[in-house]
Amino acid sequence: MVYAYNRPERLFRGHTGRLFLLITTIWLCVSLTSRLLPPLLPAIIDDLAITAALAGIALTAERMVRAGVEYPSGRVADDLSRTTMLLACIAFVIVGVVLLSLATSYALFLVAIVIFGLGNGMYSPSSRALLSDMFREKRGRAFGINMLGSEVSGIIGAGIAVVIVAVATWRAAFLPLALVLLPLFVALYYVSREPIRVGRVELGLEGTAKRVFGDARLRLILVVYSLYVLAASGVGTFLPLFLIQVHDVSFAVASSAFALLYATGLVAKPLGGFLSDIHSRLHVAGGCFFLGAVGLGMLVTAPTATVALVGVIVYALGYRGVPPGLQAYLMDYFPNESMAGDLGAMRTVYLFVGSLGPAYAGLSANTIGFVPAFVSFLLFFAIGGVMLLALGRGRS
């Protein structure tokens, strides 16, 4: 069901402004759980007495579950309402973070992040569709600002990790998130004007497959996005550990570098969204891919830790600038009545492929080393950039 919103488009005022800020805050809290895990990973590995490979497999399991729920949650958002799915997202995330705060074994840790992954996967299709319902001319900007939740959560997560490791166990970082999400659940229920519906939903797999996988342009973008998520998830998950082992920095410096990754995104995401509203979305995203490849090149070849940190900034400018324009392009392309399900179908595929990133990076670290793994991620970014620029040129 597509709910009609009044024009003009207002990002920060009126009912749409309140709803926009609310779902952005929800994403900040959901994303914070994901952003806490990488900087806390050394402490989690030590506390649970597991290897980097097992840690990578656990995070891969979370990403695979997240990928699996994207399409069905998108179809529910199309047929029932966007708000129905967002409320379910918050409920699953609350259960997941509570279990994370209790996890004293690898098995419980695995269960907790899988449940969190279910909630995490429900957010994007419904929220992107809701933003697309509210905004058309300002769609890229709306996506860019909404996605700032990831950047703010990355910065906060790195800071929390440093403090938590110093004064308590890593588990203490998660329970407060449940206490914040509960009032957000109530606020969304009352602020949204969409009906809350419960009912049977037909997945319509055949129609979705024809629209998404039968389109040559969308198939190419699916390959590009798969390369992007595979590389980005591998780099993001193990960046602190990479800096510690390869560039011999301290835990505090590595956590600060992780925060820097997202602090740079505070500029990159809104800028990427703004540029995609006034220029070709595919050209803007393709340029960001190349910038990410340059940053990774600096990171792996850096003669000093300082140069490596500069590489993190350059990489972040490219990596964090990709999603607003590329996702806005997809929402422009999809029919209004099926956009959440169509996006969910694409996200199911590219997130499933991308979920292999942490396991790939962790296994590579245990066998051939971090540097070769990060070089391969550089190549993924470069290939994706070439494909997007070629696709954009073909369209023109």
Protein backbone atom coordinates (compact mmCIF):
# COMPACT_ATOMS: atom_id res chain seq x y z
CA MET A 1 0.00 0.00 0.00
CA VAL A 2 1.37 3.43 -0.97
CA TYR A 3 0.26 6.27 1.31
CA ALA A 4 -0.04 9.72 -0.35
CA TYR A 5 1.93 12.56 1.26
CA ASN A 6 1.22 16.22 0.71
CA ARG A 7 3.57 18.48 -1.19
CA PRO A 8 5.75 20.59 -0.97
CA GLU A 9 8.53 18.28 0.17
CA ARG A 10 9.83 19.23 3.61
CA LEU A 11 12.85 17.52 5.08
CA PHE A 12 12.68 19.06 8.56
CA ARG A 13 9.26 20.68 8.96
CA GLY A 14 5.70 19.53 9.25
CA HIS A 15 4.50 15.94 9.48
CA THR A 16 6.95 14.62 6.86
CA GLY A 17 9.82 16.35 8.66
CA ARG A 18 8.90 14.75 11.99
CA LEU A 19 8.51 11.33 10.41
CA PHE A 20 11.75 11.74 8.46
CA LEU A 21 13.73 12.63 11.61
CA LEU A 22 12.11 9.78 13.54
CA ILE A 23 12.98 7.03 11.05
CA THR A 24 16.48 8.51 10.73
CA THR A 25 16.90 8.28 14.52
CA ILE A 26 15.67 4.69 14.45
CA TRP A 27 18.29 3.88 11.83
CA LEU A 28 20.98 5.50 13.98
CA CYS A 29 20.11 3.14 16.85
CA VAL A 30 19.82 0.03 14.65
CA SER A 31 23.07 0.88 12.90
CA LEU A 32 24.85 1.51 16.19
CA THR A 33 24.65 -2.18 17.05
CA SER A 34 26.39 -3.06 13.77
CA ARG A 35 28.97 -0.31 14.25
CA LEU A 36 29.80 -1.41 17.78
CA LEU A 37 30.79 -4.92 16.73
CA PRO A 38 33.98 -4.22 14.65
CA PRO A 39 35.79 -2.05 17.23
CA LEU A 40 34.73 -4.45 19.99
CA LEU A 41 35.79 -7.49 17.95
CA PRO A 42 39.27 -7.83 19.54
CA ALA A 43 37.66 -7.81 23.01
CA ILE A 44 34.92 -10.25 21.91
CA ILE A 45 37.50 -12.63 20.41
CA ASP A 46 39.54 -12.60 23.63
CA ASP A 47 36.56 -12.90 25.98
CA LEU A 48 34.84 -15.74 24.10
CA ALA A 49 38.17 -17.43 23.27
CA ILE A 50 37.45 -17.68 19.55
CA THR A 51 39.50 -17.10 16.40
CA ALA A 52 39.19 -14.26 13.88
CA ALA A 53 37.72 -16.80 11.45
CA LEU A 54 34.92 -17.76 13.90
CA ALA A 55 34.21 -14.10 14.56
CA GLY A 56 34.02 -13.47 10.82
CA ILE A 57 31.67 -16.44 10.36
CA ALA A 58 29.33 -15.10 13.07
CA LEU A 59 29.16 -11.68 11.44
CA THR A 60 28.65 -13.34 8.06
CA ALA A 61 25.70 -15.28 9.52
CA GLU A 62 24.14 -11.99 10.66
CA ARG A 63 24.56 -10.52 7.19
CA MET A 64 23.13 -13.60 5.49
CA VAL A 65 20.02 -13.55 7.70
CA ARG A 66 19.69 -9.84 7.05
CA ALA A 67 19.89 -10.49 3.31
CA GLY A 68 17.32 -13.28 3.47
CA VAL A 69 14.67 -11.13 5.14
CA GLU A 70 15.06 -8.09 2.86
CA TYR A 71 12.75 -9.27 0.06
CA PRO A 72 9.84 -10.65 2.13
CA SER A 73 9.93 -7.60 4.41
CA GLY A 74 9.81 -5.35 1.35
CA ARG A 75 6.76 -7.20 0.02
CA VAL A 76 5.05 -6.80 3.41
CA ALA A 77 5.82 -3.08 3.32
CA ASP A 78 4.26 -2.81 -0.17
CA ASP A 79 1.11 -4.81 0.62
CA LEU A 80 0.43 -3.83 4.23
CA SER A 81 2.31 -0.65 5.14
CA ARG A 82 5.83 0.68 5.55
CA THR A 83 5.17 1.43 9.23
CA THR A 84 4.05 -2.14 9.97
CA MET A 85 7.43 -3.43 8.84
CA LEU A 86 9.42 -0.71 10.64
CA LEU A 87 7.71 -1.57 13.94
CA ALA A 88 8.61 -5.25 13.45
CA CYS A 89 12.20 -4.17 12.73
CA ILE A 90 12.47 -2.36 16.05
CA ALA A 91 11.00 -5.30 17.97
CA PHE A 92 13.53 -7.81 16.59
CA VAL A 93 16.44 -5.43 17.16
CA ILE A 94 15.43 -4.95 20.81
CA VAL A 95 15.43 -8.73 21.38
CA GLY A 96 18.79 -9.07 19.64
CA VAL A 97 20.59 -6.39 21.65
CA VAL A 98 19.20 -7.72 24.93
CA LEU A 99 20.61 -11.16 24.10
CA LEU A 100 23.94 -9.63 23.10
CA SER A 101 24.16 -8.05 26.55
CA LEU A 102 23.78 -11.56 28.05
CA ALA A 103 26.05 -13.50 25.67
CA THR A 104 28.75 -15.38 27.61
CA SER A 105 29.32 -18.08 24.98
CA TYR A 106 29.93 -18.14 21.24
CA ALA A 107 26.62 -20.00 20.70
CA LEU A 108 24.55 -17.31 22.44
CA PHE A 109 26.53 -14.57 20.70
CA LEU A 110 25.70 -16.21 17.37
CA VAL A 111 21.98 -16.49 18.21
CA ALA A 112 21.86 -12.87 19.36
CA ILE A 113 23.40 -11.37 16.25
CA VAL A 114 21.24 -13.56 14.00
CA ILE A 115 18.08 -12.21 15.69
CA PHE A 116 19.48 -8.71 15.38
CA GLY A 117 20.14 -9.44 11.70
CA LEU A 118 16.44 -10.23 11.18
CA GLY A 119 15.48 -6.81 12.51
CA ASN A 120 18.29 -5.06 10.68
CA GLY A 121 17.16 -6.57 7.37
CA MET A 122 13.61 -5.29 7.82
CA TYR A 123 14.65 -1.64 7.97
CA SER A 124 16.02 -0.64 4.58
CA PRO A 125 13.31 -1.73 2.08
CA SER A 126 10.48 -0.23 4.13
CA SER A 127 12.35 2.95 5.09
CA ARG A 128 13.63 3.61 1.56
CA ALA A 129 10.10 3.10 0.21
CA LEU A 130 8.68 5.40 2.88
CA LEU A 131 11.24 8.10 2.03
CA SER A 132 10.44 7.67 -1.67
CA ASP A 133 6.74 8.09 -0.90
CA MET A 134 7.51 11.37 0.87
CA PHE A 135 10.21 12.78 -1.42
CA ARG A 136 10.76 12.89 -5.17
CA GLU A 137 12.72 16.02 -6.09
CA LYS A 138 14.72 15.78 -2.85
CA ARG A 139 15.03 12.01 -2.87
CA GLY A 140 18.83 11.89 -3.10
CA ARG A 141 19.19 14.43 -0.30
CA ALA A 142 16.67 12.58 1.86
CA PHE A 143 18.55 9.31 1.38
CA GLY A 144 21.89 10.99 2.09
CA ILE A 145 20.72 12.58 5.34
CA ASN A 146 18.87 9.46 6.46
CA MET A 147 21.99 7.38 5.90
CA LEU A 148 23.94 9.72 8.18
CA GLY A 149 22.66 7.50 10.97
CA SER A 150 25.33 5.03 9.91
CA GLU A 151 28.03 7.69 10.16
CA VAL A 152 26.96 9.06 13.52
CA SER A 153 26.60 5.53 14.90
CA GLY A 154 30.08 4.65 13.63
CA ILE A 155 31.59 7.59 15.48
CA ILE A 156 29.61 6.91 18.65
CA GLY A 157 30.34 3.19 18.43
CA ALA A 158 34.10 3.70 18.30
CA GLY A 159 33.98 6.00 21.32
CA ILE A 160 31.78 3.62 23.29
CA ALA A 161 34.12 0.73 22.44
CA VAL A 162 37.14 2.53 23.89
CA VAL A 163 35.29 3.44 27.10
CA ILE A 164 33.59 0.05 27.53
CA VAL A 165 36.83 -1.92 27.11
CA ALA A 166 38.46 0.33 29.74
CA VAL A 167 35.74 0.18 32.41
CA ALA A 168 33.55 -2.88 31.76
CA THR A 169 33.01 -5.87 29.49
CA TRP A 170 31.94 -5.51 25.84
CA ARG A 171 28.42 -6.74 26.73
CA ALA A 172 27.66 -3.52 28.62
CA ALA A 173 27.50 -1.61 25.34
CA PHE A 174 24.25 -3.17 24.12
CA LEU A 175 21.51 -3.08 26.78
CA PRO A 176 21.17 0.76 26.74
CA LEU A 177 20.20 0.51 23.06
CA ALA A 178 17.07 -1.45 23.98
CA LEU A 179 16.08 1.28 26.43
CA VAL A 180 16.38 3.89 23.66
CA LEU A 181 14.54 1.85 21.04
CA LEU A 182 11.46 1.23 23.18
CA PRO A 183 10.26 4.87 23.18
CA LEU A 184 11.11 5.13 19.46
CA PHE A 185 8.77 2.19 18.83
CA VAL A 186 5.96 4.03 20.62
CA ALA A 187 6.73 7.33 18.87
CA LEU A 188 6.61 5.74 15.41
CA TYR A 189 3.29 4.08 16.20
CA TYR A 190 1.71 7.45 17.04
CA VAL A 191 3.50 9.76 14.55
CA SER A 192 2.96 7.69 11.41
CA ARG A 193 -0.39 8.17 9.67
CA GLU A 194 -0.11 4.90 7.80
CA PRO A 195 -2.42 2.11 8.96
CA ILE A 196 -0.92 -0.76 10.94
CA ARG A 197 -2.04 -3.91 9.17
CA VAL A 198 -1.56 -7.61 9.83
CA GLY A 199 -2.46 -10.12 7.16
CA ARG A 200 -1.31 -12.64 4.59
CA VAL A 201 0.99 -11.32 1.88
CA GLU A 202 1.64 -12.96 -1.49
CA LEU A 203 5.34 -12.78 -2.29
CA GLY A 204 4.79 -12.52 -6.04
CA LEU A 205 8.20 -13.98 -6.81
CA GLU A 206 7.57 -14.38 -10.54
CA GLY A 207 6.61 -10.74 -11.10
CA THR A 208 9.49 -9.46 -9.01
CA ALA A 209 11.96 -11.72 -10.82
CA LYS A 210 10.80 -10.42 -14.20
CA ARG A 211 11.05 -6.77 -13.15
CA VAL A 212 14.39 -7.04 -11.38
CA PHE A 213 16.37 -9.95 -12.82
CA GLY A 214 14.89 -9.74 -16.31
CA ASP A 215 16.23 -6.21 -16.78
CA ALA A 216 19.81 -6.12 -18.15
CA ARG A 217 20.53 -2.73 -16.55
CA LEU A 218 19.41 -3.91 -13.12
CA ARG A 219 21.43 -7.12 -13.47
CA LEU A 220 24.59 -5.07 -14.02
CA ILE A 221 23.84 -2.84 -11.05
CA LEU A 222 23.24 -5.97 -8.99
CA VAL A 223 26.76 -7.18 -9.85
CA VAL A 224 28.21 -3.77 -8.96
CA TYR A 225 26.38 -3.57 -5.66
CA SER A 226 27.43 -7.13 -4.78
CA LEU A 227 31.08 -6.23 -5.32
CA TYR A 228 30.59 -3.06 -3.26
CA VAL A 229 28.99 -4.76 -0.25
CA LEU A 230 31.44 -7.69 -0.33
CA ALA A 231 34.42 -5.32 -0.23
CA ALA A 232 32.91 -2.77 2.16
CA SER A 233 31.80 -5.40 4.70
CA GLY A 234 35.21 -7.04 4.68
CA VAL A 235 37.08 -3.77 5.06
CA GLY A 236 34.71 -2.34 7.66
CA THR A 237 34.65 -5.43 9.86
CA PHE A 238 38.42 -5.84 10.07
CA LEU A 239 39.73 -2.30 9.63
CA PRO A 240 40.68 -1.87 13.33
CA LEU A 241 42.40 -5.28 13.42
CA PHE A 242 44.11 -4.55 10.07
CA LEU A 243 45.57 -1.31 11.42
CA ILE A 244 46.73 -3.00 14.62
CA GLN A 245 48.44 -5.93 12.89
CA VAL A 246 49.71 -4.31 9.67
CA HIS A 247 50.52 -0.77 10.80
CA ASP A 248 51.22 -1.54 14.47
CA VAL A 249 48.88 1.10 15.94
CA SER A 250 47.30 0.95 19.39
CA PHE A 251 43.74 -0.19 20.08
CA ALA A 252 42.72 3.42 20.77
CA VAL A 253 44.19 4.64 17.46
CA ALA A 254 42.56 1.78 15.55
CA SER A 255 39.17 2.56 17.13
CA SER A 256 39.67 6.26 16.33
CA ALA A 257 40.42 5.33 12.71
CA PHE A 258 37.18 3.35 12.63
CA ALA A 259 35.37 6.45 13.88
CA LEU A 260 37.17 8.50 11.22
CA LEU A 261 35.70 6.23 8.58
CA TYR A 262 32.22 7.36 9.58
CA ALA A 263 33.10 10.94 10.49
CA THR A 264 34.15 11.37 6.87
CA GLY A 265 30.79 9.93 5.87
CA LEU A 266 29.10 12.90 7.55
CA VAL A 267 30.34 14.87 4.54
CA ALA A 268 30.37 12.13 1.91
CA LYS A 269 26.78 10.90 2.21
CA PRO A 270 24.84 14.19 2.06
CA LEU A 271 27.26 15.45 -0.59
CA GLY A 272 26.83 12.28 -2.64
CA GLY A 273 23.04 12.56 -2.33
CA PHE A 274 23.03 16.25 -3.28
CA LEU A 275 25.28 15.71 -6.31
CA SER A 276 23.10 12.81 -7.46
CA ASP A 277 20.06 15.13 -7.48
CA ILE A 278 21.74 17.56 -9.89
CA HIS A 279 24.02 15.24 -11.92
CA SER A 280 23.85 11.67 -13.24
CA ARG A 281 23.33 9.37 -10.27
CA LEU A 282 25.37 6.62 -11.93
CA HIS A 283 28.30 8.92 -12.74
CA VAL A 284 28.41 10.26 -9.17
CA ALA A 285 28.33 6.74 -7.72
CA GLY A 286 30.97 5.52 -10.20
CA GLY A 287 33.31 8.35 -9.24
CA CYS A 288 32.87 7.40 -5.59
CA PHE A 289 33.87 3.81 -6.40
CA PHE A 290 37.16 5.01 -7.91
CA LEU A 291 37.84 7.28 -4.94
CA GLY A 292 37.32 4.29 -2.62
CA ALA A 293 39.84 2.27 -4.65
CA VAL A 294 42.42 5.06 -4.36
CA GLY A 295 41.94 5.17 -0.59
CA LEU A 296 42.43 1.42 -0.25
CA GLY A 297 45.58 1.69 -2.33
CA MET A 298 46.95 4.26 0.10
CA LEU A 299 45.92 2.11 3.07
CA VAL A 300 47.72 -1.06 1.95
CA THR A 301 50.88 0.65 0.64
CA ALA A 302 51.25 3.27 3.39
CA PRO A 303 54.83 3.55 4.69
CA THR A 304 53.62 5.06 7.97
CA ALA A 305 50.54 4.87 10.14
CA THR A 306 49.80 8.54 9.38
CA VAL A 307 49.59 7.87 5.64
CA ALA A 308 47.38 4.87 6.38
CA LEU A 309 44.96 7.12 8.28
CA VAL A 310 44.86 9.51 5.32
CA GLY A 311 44.03 6.48 3.19
CA VAL A 312 41.11 5.72 5.52
CA ILE A 313 39.75 9.23 4.92
CA VAL A 314 40.07 9.00 1.12
CA TYR A 315 38.51 5.53 1.14
CA ALA A 316 35.64 6.78 3.32
CA LEU A 317 34.91 9.71 0.99
CA GLY A 318 34.36 7.25 -1.83
CA TYR A 319 32.85 4.31 0.03
CA ARG A 320 30.34 6.34 2.04
CA GLY A 321 29.39 8.49 -0.95
CA VAL A 322 28.10 5.56 -3.05
CA PRO A 323 24.73 4.54 -1.47
CA PRO A 324 22.61 7.74 -1.61
CA GLY A 325 22.88 8.23 -5.36
CA LEU A 326 22.83 4.54 -6.29
CA GLN A 327 19.81 3.71 -4.12
CA ALA A 328 17.99 6.84 -5.28
CA TYR A 329 18.63 5.68 -8.86
CA LEU A 330 17.07 2.29 -8.07
CA MET A 331 14.00 3.86 -6.45
CA ASP A 332 13.59 6.13 -9.49
CA TYR A 333 13.69 3.00 -11.65
CA PHE A 334 11.23 0.80 -9.73
CA PRO A 335 7.42 1.13 -10.04
CA ASN A 336 5.88 2.95 -7.04
CA GLU A 337 3.55 0.09 -6.15
CA SER A 338 6.35 -2.49 -5.86
CA MET A 339 9.44 -0.44 -5.00
CA ALA A 340 9.97 -1.85 -1.49
CA GLY A 341 9.73 -5.45 -2.67
CA ASP A 342 11.87 -4.82 -5.75
CA LEU A 343 14.55 -3.10 -3.67
CA GLY A 344 14.29 -5.90 -1.12
CA ALA A 345 14.84 -8.50 -3.84
CA MET A 346 17.99 -6.76 -5.05
CA ARG A 347 19.22 -6.24 -1.50
CA THR A 348 18.63 -9.92 -0.69
CA VAL A 349 21.01 -10.89 -3.48
CA TYR A 350 23.75 -8.30 -3.04
CA LEU A 351 23.69 -8.47 0.75
CA PHE A 352 23.88 -12.27 0.61
CA VAL A 353 26.97 -12.00 -1.59
CA GLY A 354 28.31 -9.19 0.60
CA SER A 355 27.75 -11.25 3.73
CA LEU A 356 30.73 -13.34 2.69
CA GLY A 357 33.00 -10.31 3.19
CA PRO A 358 33.76 -10.77 6.91
CA ALA A 359 34.34 -14.52 6.52
CA TYR A 360 36.50 -13.92 3.44
CA ALA A 361 38.59 -11.30 5.22
CA GLY A 362 38.89 -13.38 8.39
CA LEU A 363 39.92 -16.55 6.55
CA SER A 364 42.37 -14.57 4.40
CA ALA A 365 43.93 -13.07 7.52
CA ASN A 366 44.53 -16.57 8.89
CA THR A 367 46.04 -17.86 5.63
CA ILE A 368 47.62 -15.32 3.24
CA GLY A 369 47.39 -12.19 5.40
CA PHE A 370 45.33 -9.00 5.55
CA VAL A 371 47.22 -7.08 2.84
CA PRO A 372 46.35 -9.43 -0.08
CA ALA A 373 42.71 -9.48 1.06
CA PHE A 374 42.52 -5.68 1.10
CA VAL A 375 44.18 -5.52 -2.34
CA SER A 376 41.40 -7.72 -3.71
CA PHE A 377 38.84 -5.34 -2.19
CA LEU A 378 40.59 -2.49 -4.03
CA LEU A 379 40.08 -4.36 -7.31
CA PHE A 380 36.38 -4.86 -6.55
CA PHE A 381 35.94 -1.10 -6.12
CA ALA A 382 37.80 -0.34 -9.36
CA ILE A 383 35.73 -2.86 -11.36
CA GLY A 384 32.49 -1.48 -9.94
CA GLY A 385 33.48 2.06 -10.88
CA VAL A 386 34.21 1.08 -14.48
CA MET A 387 30.85 -0.72 -14.78
CA LEU A 388 28.82 2.20 -13.40
CA LEU A 389 30.49 4.81 -15.61
CA ALA A 390 29.95 2.59 -18.66
CA LEU A 391 26.31 2.05 -17.67
CA GLY A 392 25.76 5.77 -17.19
CA ARG A 393 27.34 6.59 -20.53
CA GLY A 394 25.16 3.98 -22.24
CA ARG A 395 22.02 5.54 -20.77
CA SER A 396 22.98 9.00 -22.00
